[in-house]
């Protein structure tokens, strides 16, 4: 896959901190641990993915207007589970969706 800019990593959850298992904590508490960890680490390419607790419809509208892929909805009090407990709401008009699957298939063939 090719890119035009420096790669960034968006961190949105923290399951372990050292040898401490955080999966039993609510999502908002895990995110607080993550935010503190990243603020101390000072890694410019790792970005804390903040969350929005209200105005989901307005956020989704903005995501669509900016031609972004979509949003992920999670309960803020949910503990981590290997079962999917979140909802991905995709932008039906996302322009980069066309041919995207084929890009990943080509990448897999090369590796």
PDB file of N, CA and C in Angstrom:
ATOM      1  N   UNK A   1       0.850  -1.166   0.000  1.00  0.00           N
ATOM      2  CA  UNK A   1       0.000   0.000   0.000  1.00  0.00           C
ATOM      3  C   UNK A   1       0.899   1.233   0.000  1.00  0.00           C
ATOM      4  N   UNK A   2       0.452   2.246  -0.655  1.00  0.00           N
ATOM      5  CA  UNK A   2       1.260   3.462  -0.721  1.00  0.00           C
ATOM      6  C   UNK A   2       0.629   4.551   0.133  1.00  0.00           C
ATOM      7  N   UNK A   3       1.447   5.507   0.508  1.00  0.00           N
ATOM      8  CA  UNK A   3       0.957   6.630   1.313  1.00  0.00           C
ATOM      9  C   UNK A   3       1.702   7.883   0.897  1.00  0.00           C
ATOM     10  N   UNK A   4       1.074   9.005   1.158  1.00  0.00           N
ATOM     11  CA  UNK A   4       1.657  10.292   0.795  1.00  0.00           C
ATOM     12  C   UNK A   4       2.173  11.056   2.004  1.00  0.00           C
ATOM     13  N   UNK A   5       1.798  10.629   3.178  1.00  0.00           N
ATOM     14  CA  UNK A   5       2.186  11.342   4.389  1.00  0.00           C
ATOM     15  C   UNK A   5       2.708  10.339   5.413  1.00  0.00           C
ATOM     16  N   UNK A   6       3.264  10.859   6.477  1.00  0.00           N
ATOM     17  CA  UNK A   6       3.754  10.005   7.551  1.00  0.00           C
ATOM     18  C   UNK A   6       2.594   9.210   8.144  1.00  0.00           C
ATOM     19  N   UNK A   7       2.832   7.982   8.488  1.00  0.00           N
ATOM     20  CA  UNK A   7       1.818   7.123   9.070  1.00  0.00           C
ATOM     21  C   UNK A   7       1.606   7.512  10.531  1.00  0.00           C
ATOM     22  N   UNK A   8       0.358   7.539  10.962  1.00  0.00           N
ATOM     23  CA  UNK A   8       0.012   7.785  12.352  1.00  0.00           C
ATOM     24  C   UNK A   8      -0.793   6.610  12.867  1.00  0.00           C
ATOM     25  N   UNK A   9      -0.691   6.349  14.141  1.00  0.00           N
ATOM     26  CA  UNK A   9      -1.435   5.279  14.792  1.00  0.00           C
ATOM     27  C   UNK A   9      -2.422   5.921  15.756  1.00  0.00           C
ATOM     28  N   UNK A  10      -3.697   5.613  15.589  1.00  0.00           N
ATOM     29  CA  UNK A  10      -4.733   6.129  16.485  1.00  0.00           C
ATOM     30  C   UNK A  10      -5.033   5.064  17.539  1.00  0.00           C
ATOM     31  N   UNK A  11      -4.742   5.376  18.790  1.00  0.00           N
ATOM     32  CA  UNK A  11      -4.980   4.447  19.894  1.00  0.00           C
ATOM     33  C   UNK A  11      -6.328   4.781  20.529  1.00  0.00           C
ATOM     34  N   UNK A  12      -7.208   3.799  20.627  1.00  0.00           N
ATOM     35  CA  UNK A  12      -8.552   4.055  21.134  1.00  0.00           C
ATOM     36  C   UNK A  12      -8.929   3.211  22.343  1.00  0.00           C
ATOM     37  N   UNK A  13      -8.078   2.272  22.727  1.00  0.00           N
ATOM     38  CA  UNK A  13      -8.396   1.449  23.884  1.00  0.00           C
ATOM     39  C   UNK A  13      -7.099   0.892  24.452  1.00  0.00           C
ATOM     40  N   UNK A  14      -7.116   0.523  25.710  1.00  0.00           N
ATOM     41  CA  UNK A  14      -5.954  -0.044  26.388  1.00  0.00           C
ATOM     42  C   UNK A  14      -6.435  -1.244  27.191  1.00  0.00           C
ATOM     43  N   UNK A  15      -5.972  -2.435  26.813  1.00  0.00           N
ATOM     44  CA  UNK A  15      -6.431  -3.663  27.461  1.00  0.00           C
ATOM     45  C   UNK A  15      -5.519  -4.116  28.593  1.00  0.00           C
ATOM     46  N   UNK A  16      -4.240  -3.815  28.485  1.00  0.00           N
ATOM     47  CA  UNK A  16      -3.245  -4.175  29.499  1.00  0.00           C
ATOM     48  C   UNK A  16      -2.357  -2.977  29.758  1.00  0.00           C
ATOM     49  N   UNK A  17      -1.943  -2.802  30.990  1.00  0.00           N
ATOM     50  CA  UNK A  17      -0.968  -1.777  31.345  1.00  0.00           C
ATOM     51  C   UNK A  17       0.073  -2.467  32.204  1.00  0.00           C
ATOM     52  N   UNK A  18       1.245  -2.742  31.613  1.00  0.00           N
ATOM     53  CA  UNK A  18       2.242  -3.568  32.280  1.00  0.00           C
ATOM     54  C   UNK A  18       1.675  -4.962  32.439  1.00  0.00           C
ATOM     55  N   UNK A  19       1.636  -5.451  33.658  1.00  0.00           N
ATOM     56  CA  UNK A  19       1.054  -6.775  33.894  1.00  0.00           C
ATOM     57  C   UNK A  19      -0.372  -6.696  34.427  1.00  0.00           C
ATOM     58  N   UNK A  20      -0.970  -5.500  34.396  1.00  0.00           N
ATOM     59  CA  UNK A  20      -2.334  -5.305  34.911  1.00  0.00           C
ATOM     60  C   UNK A  20      -3.358  -5.430  33.781  1.00  0.00           C
ATOM     61  N   UNK A  21      -4.315  -6.335  33.961  1.00  0.00           N
ATOM     62  CA  UNK A  21      -5.390  -6.568  33.000  1.00  0.00           C
ATOM     63  C   UNK A  21      -6.477  -5.512  33.213  1.00  0.00           C
ATOM     64  N   UNK A  22      -6.711  -4.683  32.197  1.00  0.00           N
ATOM     65  CA  UNK A  22      -7.710  -3.617  32.300  1.00  0.00           C
ATOM     66  C   UNK A  22      -9.039  -3.971  31.635  1.00  0.00           C
ATOM     67  N   UNK A  23      -9.144  -5.159  31.074  1.00  0.00           N
ATOM     68  CA  UNK A  23     -10.342  -5.525  30.302  1.00  0.00           C
ATOM     69  C   UNK A  23     -11.623  -5.508  31.121  1.00  0.00           C
ATOM     70  N   UNK A  24     -11.545  -5.660  32.422  1.00  0.00           N
ATOM     71  CA  UNK A  24     -12.741  -5.637  33.271  1.00  0.00           C
ATOM     72  C   UNK A  24     -13.207  -4.240  33.646  1.00  0.00           C
ATOM     73  N   UNK A  25     -12.422  -3.223  33.278  1.00  0.00           N
ATOM     74  CA  UNK A  25     -12.811  -1.836  33.560  1.00  0.00           C
ATOM     75  C   UNK A  25     -13.731  -1.304  32.465  1.00  0.00           C
ATOM     76  N   UNK A  26     -14.580  -0.344  32.796  1.00  0.00           N
ATOM     77  CA  UNK A  26     -15.405   0.293  31.763  1.00  0.00           C
ATOM     78  C   UNK A  26     -14.528   0.997  30.720  1.00  0.00           C
ATOM     79  N   UNK A  27     -15.009   1.121  29.520  1.00  0.00           N
ATOM     80  CA  UNK A  27     -14.276   1.741  28.420  1.00  0.00           C
ATOM     81  C   UNK A  27     -13.721   3.110  28.794  1.00  0.00           C
ATOM     82  N   UNK A  28     -14.523   3.968  29.429  1.00  0.00           N
ATOM     83  CA  UNK A  28     -14.044   5.322  29.745  1.00  0.00           C
ATOM     84  C   UNK A  28     -12.857   5.299  30.707  1.00  0.00           C
ATOM     85  N   UNK A  29     -12.810   4.336  31.610  1.00  0.00           N
ATOM     86  CA  UNK A  29     -11.665   4.231  32.523  1.00  0.00           C
ATOM     87  C   UNK A  29     -10.430   3.729  31.779  1.00  0.00           C
ATOM     88  N   UNK A  30     -10.616   2.767  30.889  1.00  0.00           N
ATOM     89  CA  UNK A  30      -9.478   2.280  30.089  1.00  0.00           C
ATOM     90  C   UNK A  30      -8.923   3.407  29.233  1.00  0.00           C
ATOM     91  N   UNK A  31      -9.817   4.238  28.671  1.00  0.00           N
ATOM     92  CA  UNK A  31      -9.377   5.364  27.851  1.00  0.00           C
ATOM     93  C   UNK A  31      -8.620   6.401  28.686  1.00  0.00           C
ATOM     94  N   UNK A  32      -9.017   6.606  29.939  1.00  0.00           N
ATOM     95  CA  UNK A  32      -8.285   7.534  30.813  1.00  0.00           C
ATOM     96  C   UNK A  32      -6.854   7.046  31.051  1.00  0.00           C
ATOM     97  N   UNK A  33      -6.726   5.738  31.306  1.00  0.00           N
ATOM     98  CA  UNK A  33      -5.383   5.150  31.466  1.00  0.00           C
ATOM     99  C   UNK A  33      -4.563   5.363  30.192  1.00  0.00           C
ATOM    100  N   UNK A  34      -5.189   5.125  29.061  1.00  0.00           N
ATOM    101  CA  UNK A  34      -4.510   5.278  27.769  1.00  0.00           C
ATOM    102  C   UNK A  34      -4.069   6.719  27.548  1.00  0.00           C
ATOM    103  N   UNK A  35      -4.943   7.661  27.836  1.00  0.00           N
ATOM    104  CA  UNK A  35      -4.610   9.073  27.632  1.00  0.00           C
ATOM    105  C   UNK A  35      -3.428   9.496  28.513  1.00  0.00           C
ATOM    106  N   UNK A  36      -3.439   9.061  29.768  1.00  0.00           N
ATOM    107  CA  UNK A  36      -2.310   9.382  30.667  1.00  0.00           C
ATOM    108  C   UNK A  36      -1.011   8.765  30.161  1.00  0.00           C
ATOM    109  N   UNK A  37      -1.090   7.515  29.720  1.00  0.00           N
ATOM    110  CA  UNK A  37       0.091   6.820  29.216  1.00  0.00           C
ATOM    111  C   UNK A  37       0.672   7.537  27.999  1.00  0.00           C
ATOM    112  N   UNK A  38      -0.190   7.914  27.067  1.00  0.00           N
ATOM    113  CA  UNK A  38       0.283   8.574  25.853  1.00  0.00           C
ATOM    114  C   UNK A  38       0.799   9.978  26.120  1.00  0.00           C
ATOM    115  N   UNK A  39       0.213  10.685  27.074  1.00  0.00           N
ATOM    116  CA  UNK A  39       0.699  12.038  27.375  1.00  0.00           C
ATOM    117  C   UNK A  39       2.101  11.985  27.980  1.00  0.00           C
ATOM    118  N   UNK A  40       2.411  10.943  28.736  1.00  0.00           N
ATOM    119  CA  UNK A  40       3.748  10.777  29.305  1.00  0.00           C
ATOM    120  C   UNK A  40       4.746  10.292  28.255  1.00  0.00           C
ATOM    121  N   UNK A  41       4.291   9.476  27.322  1.00  0.00           N
ATOM    122  CA  UNK A  41       5.185   8.844  26.345  1.00  0.00           C
ATOM    123  C   UNK A  41       5.719   9.833  25.312  1.00  0.00           C
ATOM    124  N   UNK A  42       4.955  10.854  24.999  1.00  0.00           N
ATOM    125  CA  UNK A  42       5.370  11.869  24.017  1.00  0.00           C
ATOM    126  C   UNK A  42       5.789  11.233  22.689  1.00  0.00           C
ATOM    127  N   UNK A  43       4.883  10.472  22.107  1.00  0.00           N
ATOM    128  CA  UNK A  43       5.092   9.844  20.805  1.00  0.00           C
ATOM    129  C   UNK A  43       4.232  10.571  19.779  1.00  0.00           C
ATOM    130  N   UNK A  44       4.791  11.439  18.960  1.00  0.00           N
ATOM    131  CA  UNK A  44       3.983  12.248  18.047  1.00  0.00           C
ATOM    132  C   UNK A  44       3.201  11.451  17.002  1.00  0.00           C
ATOM    133  N   UNK A  45       3.635  10.244  16.684  1.00  0.00           N
ATOM    134  CA  UNK A  45       2.908   9.471  15.669  1.00  0.00           C
ATOM    135  C   UNK A  45       1.794   8.617  16.268  1.00  0.00           C
ATOM    136  N   UNK A  46       1.686   8.589  17.601  1.00  0.00           N
ATOM    137  CA  UNK A  46       0.597   7.868  18.265  1.00  0.00           C
ATOM    138  C   UNK A  46      -0.390   8.907  18.788  1.00  0.00           C
ATOM    139  N   UNK A  47      -1.605   8.839  18.280  1.00  0.00           N
ATOM    140  CA  UNK A  47      -2.629   9.841  18.585  1.00  0.00           C
ATOM    141  C   UNK A  47      -3.739   9.198  19.421  1.00  0.00           C
ATOM    142  N   UNK A  48      -4.083   9.835  20.515  1.00  0.00           N
ATOM    143  CA  UNK A  48      -5.181   9.366  21.354  1.00  0.00           C
ATOM    144  C   UNK A  48      -6.495   9.640  20.640  1.00  0.00           C
ATOM    145  N   UNK A  49      -7.268   8.597  20.407  1.00  0.00           N
ATOM    146  CA  UNK A  49      -8.576   8.734  19.759  1.00  0.00           C
ATOM    147  C   UNK A  49      -9.607   9.071  20.828  1.00  0.00           C
ATOM    148  N   UNK A  50      -9.931  10.347  20.918  1.00  0.00           N
ATOM    149  CA  UNK A  50     -10.900  10.805  21.898  1.00  0.00           C
ATOM    150  C   UNK A  50     -12.288  10.290  21.542  1.00  0.00           C
ATOM    151  N   UNK A  51     -13.219  10.460  22.425  1.00  0.00           N
ATOM    152  CA  UNK A  51     -14.581  10.000  22.183  1.00  0.00           C
ATOM    153  C   UNK A  51     -15.560  11.163  22.367  1.00  0.00           C
ATOM    154  N   UNK A  52     -16.712  10.968  21.799  1.00  0.00           N
ATOM    155  CA  UNK A  52     -17.777  11.970  21.907  1.00  0.00           C
ATOM    156  C   UNK A  52     -18.973  11.267  22.517  1.00  0.00           C
ATOM    157  N   UNK A  53     -19.504  11.830  23.591  1.00  0.00           N
ATOM    158  CA  UNK A  53     -20.593  11.170  24.318  1.00  0.00           C
ATOM    159  C   UNK A  53     -21.978  11.614  23.876  1.00  0.00           C
ATOM    160  N   UNK A  54     -22.081  12.702  23.180  1.00  0.00           N
ATOM    161  CA  UNK A  54     -23.397  13.182  22.757  1.00  0.00           C
ATOM    162  C   UNK A  54     -23.310  13.660  21.318  1.00  0.00           C
ATOM    163  N   UNK A  55     -24.426  13.992  20.750  1.00  0.00           N
ATOM    164  CA  UNK A  55     -24.511  14.566  19.406  1.00  0.00           C
ATOM    165  C   UNK A  55     -23.985  13.614  18.328  1.00  0.00           C
ATOM    166  N   UNK A  56     -24.262  12.324  18.488  1.00  0.00           N
ATOM    167  CA  UNK A  56     -23.810  11.313  17.526  1.00  0.00           C
ATOM    168  C   UNK A  56     -24.329  11.558  16.121  1.00  0.00           C
ATOM    169  N   UNK A  57     -25.560  12.028  16.007  1.00  0.00           N
ATOM    170  CA  UNK A  57     -26.131  12.298  14.687  1.00  0.00           C
ATOM    171  C   UNK A  57     -25.379  13.427  13.996  1.00  0.00           C
ATOM    172  N   UNK A  58     -25.060  14.472  14.743  1.00  0.00           N
ATOM    173  CA  UNK A  58     -24.290  15.593  14.171  1.00  0.00           C
ATOM    174  C   UNK A  58     -22.894  15.143  13.778  1.00  0.00           C
ATOM    175  N   UNK A  59     -22.272  14.322  14.608  1.00  0.00           N
ATOM    176  CA  UNK A  59     -20.949  13.791  14.293  1.00  0.00           C
ATOM    177  C   UNK A  59     -20.996  12.967  13.008  1.00  0.00           C
ATOM    178  N   UNK A  60     -21.978  12.097  12.906  1.00  0.00           N
ATOM    179  CA  UNK A  60     -22.111  11.254  11.711  1.00  0.00           C
ATOM    180  C   UNK A  60     -22.304  12.112  10.456  1.00  0.00           C
ATOM    181  N   UNK A  61     -23.132  13.132  10.555  1.00  0.00           N
ATOM    182  CA  UNK A  61     -23.362  14.043   9.426  1.00  0.00           C
ATOM    183  C   UNK A  61     -22.044  14.693   8.983  1.00  0.00           C
ATOM    184  N   UNK A  62     -21.259  15.145   9.957  1.00  0.00           N
ATOM    185  CA  UNK A  62     -19.965  15.773   9.668  1.00  0.00           C
ATOM    186  C   UNK A  62     -18.998  14.777   9.026  1.00  0.00           C
ATOM    187  N   UNK A  63     -18.989  13.557   9.534  1.00  0.00           N
ATOM    188  CA  UNK A  63     -18.138  12.499   8.964  1.00  0.00           C
ATOM    189  C   UNK A  63     -18.493  12.285   7.492  1.00  0.00           C
ATOM    190  N   UNK A  64     -19.759  12.226   7.188  1.00  0.00           N
ATOM    191  CA  UNK A  64     -20.194  12.037   5.795  1.00  0.00           C
ATOM    192  C   UNK A  64     -19.819  13.234   4.931  1.00  0.00           C
ATOM    193  N   UNK A  65     -19.998  14.447   5.444  1.00  0.00           N
ATOM    194  CA  UNK A  65     -19.646  15.651   4.681  1.00  0.00           C
ATOM    195  C   UNK A  65     -18.154  15.716   4.376  1.00  0.00           C
ATOM    196  N   UNK A  66     -17.338  15.191   5.276  1.00  0.00           N
ATOM    197  CA  UNK A  66     -15.875  15.209   5.082  1.00  0.00           C
ATOM    198  C   UNK A  66     -15.374  13.983   4.324  1.00  0.00           C
ATOM    199  N   UNK A  67     -16.280  13.175   3.842  1.00  0.00           N
ATOM    200  CA  UNK A  67     -15.954  11.967   3.082  1.00  0.00           C
ATOM    201  C   UNK A  67     -15.063  11.026   3.887  1.00  0.00           C
ATOM    202  N   UNK A  68     -15.442  10.799   5.144  1.00  0.00           N
ATOM    203  CA  UNK A  68     -14.757   9.838   5.988  1.00  0.00           C
ATOM    204  C   UNK A  68     -15.544   8.539   5.996  1.00  0.00           C
ATOM    205  N   UNK A  69     -14.924   7.464   6.440  1.00  0.00           N
ATOM    206  CA  UNK A  69     -15.528   6.134   6.321  1.00  0.00           C
ATOM    207  C   UNK A  69     -16.755   5.923   7.201  1.00  0.00           C
ATOM    208  N   UNK A  70     -16.739   6.439   8.424  1.00  0.00           N
ATOM    209  CA  UNK A  70     -17.883   6.230   9.309  1.00  0.00           C
ATOM    210  C   UNK A  70     -17.497   6.447  10.752  1.00  0.00           C
ATOM    211  N   UNK A  71     -18.359   5.978  11.668  1.00  0.00           N
ATOM    212  CA  UNK A  71     -18.099   6.100  13.102  1.00  0.00           C
ATOM    213  C   UNK A  71     -18.295   4.740  13.767  1.00  0.00           C
ATOM    214  N   UNK A  72     -17.687   4.580  14.914  1.00  0.00           N
ATOM    215  CA  UNK A  72     -17.859   3.373  15.714  1.00  0.00           C
ATOM    216  C   UNK A  72     -18.543   3.783  17.010  1.00  0.00           C
ATOM    217  N   UNK A  73     -19.606   3.079  17.354  1.00  0.00           N
ATOM    218  CA  UNK A  73     -20.392   3.387  18.554  1.00  0.00           C
ATOM    219  C   UNK A  73     -20.170   2.290  19.596  1.00  0.00           C
ATOM    220  N   UNK A  74     -19.813   2.723  20.808  1.00  0.00           N
ATOM    221  CA  UNK A  74     -19.592   1.791  21.911  1.00  0.00           C
ATOM    222  C   UNK A  74     -20.248   2.355  23.160  1.00  0.00           C
ATOM    223  N   UNK A  75     -20.648   1.477  24.052  1.00  0.00           N
ATOM    224  CA  UNK A  75     -21.166   1.924  25.348  1.00  0.00           C
ATOM    225  C   UNK A  75     -19.988   2.319  26.227  1.00  0.00           C
ATOM    226  N   UNK A  76     -20.072   3.483  26.843  1.00  0.00           N
ATOM    227  CA  UNK A  76     -18.940   3.979  27.632  1.00  0.00           C
ATOM    228  C   UNK A  76     -18.709   3.164  28.902  1.00  0.00           C
ATOM    229  N   UNK A  77     -19.735   2.448  29.362  1.00  0.00           N
ATOM    230  CA  UNK A  77     -19.591   1.643  30.574  1.00  0.00           C
ATOM    231  C   UNK A  77     -19.274   0.176  30.286  1.00  0.00           C
ATOM    232  N   UNK A  78     -19.032  -0.156  29.013  1.00  0.00           N
ATOM    233  CA  UNK A  78     -18.824  -1.560  28.651  1.00  0.00           C
ATOM    234  C   UNK A  78     -17.412  -2.026  28.977  1.00  0.00           C
ATOM    235  N   UNK A  79     -17.333  -3.258  29.481  1.00  0.00           N
ATOM    236  CA  UNK A  79     -16.036  -3.893  29.697  1.00  0.00           C
ATOM    237  C   UNK A  79     -15.631  -4.540  28.379  1.00  0.00           C
ATOM    238  N   UNK A  80     -14.343  -4.851  28.238  1.00  0.00           N
ATOM    239  CA  UNK A  80     -13.861  -5.441  26.995  1.00  0.00           C
ATOM    240  C   UNK A  80     -14.349  -6.882  26.876  1.00  0.00           C
ATOM    241  N   UNK A  81     -14.725  -7.256  25.679  1.00  0.00           N
ATOM    242  CA  UNK A  81     -15.145  -8.622  25.401  1.00  0.00           C
ATOM    243  C   UNK A  81     -14.616  -9.007  24.028  1.00  0.00           C
ATOM    244  N   UNK A  82     -14.261 -10.267  23.854  1.00  0.00           N
ATOM    245  CA  UNK A  82     -13.815 -10.720  22.539  1.00  0.00           C
ATOM    246  C   UNK A  82     -14.990 -10.785  21.560  1.00  0.00           C
ATOM    247  N   UNK A  83     -16.204 -10.823  22.091  1.00  0.00           N
ATOM    248  CA  UNK A  83     -17.389 -10.733  21.227  1.00  0.00           C
ATOM    249  C   UNK A  83     -17.587  -9.280  20.830  1.00  0.00           C
ATOM    250  N   UNK A  84     -18.030  -9.064  19.629  1.00  0.00           N
ATOM    251  CA  UNK A  84     -18.229  -7.691  19.146  1.00  0.00           C
ATOM    252  C   UNK A  84     -19.407  -7.058  19.871  1.00  0.00           C
ATOM    253  N   UNK A  85     -19.131  -5.979  20.585  1.00  0.00           N
ATOM    254  CA  UNK A  85     -20.163  -5.269  21.341  1.00  0.00           C
ATOM    255  C   UNK A  85     -20.197  -3.811  20.931  1.00  0.00           C
ATOM    256  N   UNK A  86     -19.944  -3.536  19.672  1.00  0.00           N
ATOM    257  CA  UNK A  86     -19.943  -2.173  19.173  1.00  0.00           C
ATOM    258  C   UNK A  86     -20.624  -2.161  17.812  1.00  0.00           C
ATOM    259  N   UNK A  87     -20.906  -0.991  17.344  1.00  0.00           N
ATOM    260  CA  UNK A  87     -21.614  -0.831  16.084  1.00  0.00           C
ATOM    261  C   UNK A  87     -20.819   0.113  15.188  1.00  0.00           C
ATOM    262  N   UNK A  88     -20.532  -0.316  13.983  1.00  0.00           N
ATOM    263  CA  UNK A  88     -19.854   0.542  13.013  1.00  0.00           C
ATOM    264  C   UNK A  88     -20.911   1.080  12.062  1.00  0.00           C
ATOM    265  N   UNK A  89     -21.022   2.411  11.992  1.00  0.00           N
ATOM    266  CA  UNK A  89     -22.001   3.058  11.123  1.00  0.00           C
ATOM    267  C   UNK A  89     -21.226   3.677   9.975  1.00  0.00           C
ATOM    268  N   UNK A  90     -21.343   3.067   8.802  1.00  0.00           N
ATOM    269  CA  UNK A  90     -20.558   3.491   7.647  1.00  0.00           C
ATOM    270  C   UNK A  90     -21.240   4.601   6.857  1.00  0.00           C
ATOM    271  N   UNK A  91     -20.412   5.423   6.258  1.00  0.00           N
ATOM    272  CA  UNK A  91     -20.872   6.456   5.335  1.00  0.00           C
ATOM    273  C   UNK A  91     -21.192   5.754   4.010  1.00  0.00           C
ATOM    274  N   UNK A  92     -22.445   5.734   3.573  1.00  0.00           N
ATOM    275  CA  UNK A  92     -22.795   5.011   2.341  1.00  0.00           C
ATOM    276  C   UNK A  92     -22.186   5.625   1.081  1.00  0.00           C
ATOM    277  N   UNK A  93     -21.731   6.866   1.166  1.00  0.00           N
ATOM    278  CA  UNK A  93     -21.161   7.541  -0.004  1.00  0.00           C
ATOM    279  C   UNK A  93     -19.646   7.723   0.097  1.00  0.00           C
ATOM    280  N   UNK A  94     -19.003   6.966   0.948  1.00  0.00           N
ATOM    281  CA  UNK A  94     -17.559   7.080   1.144  1.00  0.00           C
ATOM    282  C   UNK A  94     -16.845   6.753  -0.167  1.00  0.00           C
ATOM    283  N   UNK A  95     -16.136   7.728  -0.719  1.00  0.00           N
ATOM    284  CA  UNK A  95     -15.573   7.571  -2.060  1.00  0.00           C
ATOM    285  C   UNK A  95     -14.419   6.578  -2.130  1.00  0.00           C
ATOM    286  N   UNK A  96     -13.719   6.368  -1.031  1.00  0.00           N
ATOM    287  CA  UNK A  96     -12.585   5.449  -1.076  1.00  0.00           C
ATOM    288  C   UNK A  96     -12.992   3.994  -0.842  1.00  0.00           C
ATOM    289  N   UNK A  97     -14.280   3.722  -0.671  1.00  0.00           N
ATOM    290  CA  UNK A  97     -14.734   2.354  -0.450  1.00  0.00           C
ATOM    291  C   UNK A  97     -14.611   1.520  -1.715  1.00  0.00           C
ATOM    292  N   UNK A  98     -14.809   2.140  -2.859  1.00  0.00           N
ATOM    293  CA  UNK A  98     -14.733   1.423  -4.134  1.00  0.00           C
ATOM    294  C   UNK A  98     -13.296   1.003  -4.395  1.00  0.00           C
ATOM    295  N   UNK A  99     -13.082  -0.294  -4.610  1.00  0.00           N
ATOM    296  CA  UNK A  99     -11.755  -0.815  -4.898  1.00  0.00           C
ATOM    297  C   UNK A  99     -10.883  -1.016  -3.676  1.00  0.00           C
ATOM    298  N   UNK A 100     -11.381  -0.681  -2.511  1.00  0.00           N
ATOM    299  CA  UNK A 100     -10.579  -0.788  -1.287  1.00  0.00           C
ATOM    300  C   UNK A 100     -10.243  -2.232  -0.967  1.00  0.00           C
ATOM    301  N   UNK A 101     -11.198  -3.108  -1.096  1.00  0.00           N
ATOM    302  CA  UNK A 101     -10.980  -4.539  -0.807  1.00  0.00           C
ATOM    303  C   UNK A 101      -9.883  -5.090  -1.709  1.00  0.00           C
ATOM    304  N   UNK A 102      -9.908  -4.697  -2.967  1.00  0.00           N
ATOM    305  CA  UNK A 102      -8.908  -5.172  -3.911  1.00  0.00           C
ATOM    306  C   UNK A 102      -7.507  -4.705  -3.521  1.00  0.00           C
ATOM    307  N   UNK A 103      -7.393  -3.491  -2.953  1.00  0.00           N
ATOM    308  CA  UNK A 103      -6.101  -2.991  -2.499  1.00  0.00           C
ATOM    309  C   UNK A 103      -5.514  -3.905  -1.427  1.00  0.00           C
ATOM    310  N   UNK A 104      -6.351  -4.334  -0.493  1.00  0.00           N
ATOM    311  CA  UNK A 104      -5.880  -5.201   0.577  1.00  0.00           C
ATOM    312  C   UNK A 104      -5.526  -6.580   0.036  1.00  0.00           C
ATOM    313  N   UNK A 105      -6.299  -7.070  -0.939  1.00  0.00           N
ATOM    314  CA  UNK A 105      -5.994  -8.371  -1.552  1.00  0.00           C
ATOM    315  C   UNK A 105      -4.637  -8.332  -2.242  1.00  0.00           C
ATOM    316  N   UNK A 106      -4.330  -7.243  -2.959  1.00  0.00           N
ATOM    317  CA  UNK A 106      -3.031  -7.097  -3.626  1.00  0.00           C
ATOM    318  C   UNK A 106      -1.908  -7.048  -2.603  1.00  0.00           C
ATOM    319  N   UNK A 107      -2.133  -6.336  -1.495  1.00  0.00           N
ATOM    320  CA  UNK A 107      -1.128  -6.247  -0.442  1.00  0.00           C
ATOM    321  C   UNK A 107      -0.832  -7.622   0.125  1.00  0.00           C
ATOM    322  N   UNK A 108      -1.866  -8.420   0.372  1.00  0.00           N
ATOM    323  CA  UNK A 108      -1.678  -9.768   0.923  1.00  0.00           C
ATOM    324  C   UNK A 108      -0.891 -10.653  -0.039  1.00  0.00           C
ATOM    325  N   UNK A 109      -1.131 -10.493  -1.338  1.00  0.00           N
ATOM    326  CA  UNK A 109      -0.433 -11.307  -2.337  1.00  0.00           C
ATOM    327  C   UNK A 109       1.069 -11.038  -2.318  1.00  0.00           C
ATOM    328  N   UNK A 110       1.463  -9.791  -2.025  1.00  0.00           N
ATOM    329  CA  UNK A 110       2.885  -9.420  -2.032  1.00  0.00           C
ATOM    330  C   UNK A 110       3.606  -9.879  -0.776  1.00  0.00           C
ATOM    331  N   UNK A 111       2.887 -10.140   0.296  1.00  0.00           N
ATOM    332  CA  UNK A 111       3.552 -10.493   1.550  1.00  0.00           C
ATOM    333  C   UNK A 111       3.630 -11.979   1.750  1.00  0.00           C
TER     334      UNK A 111
END
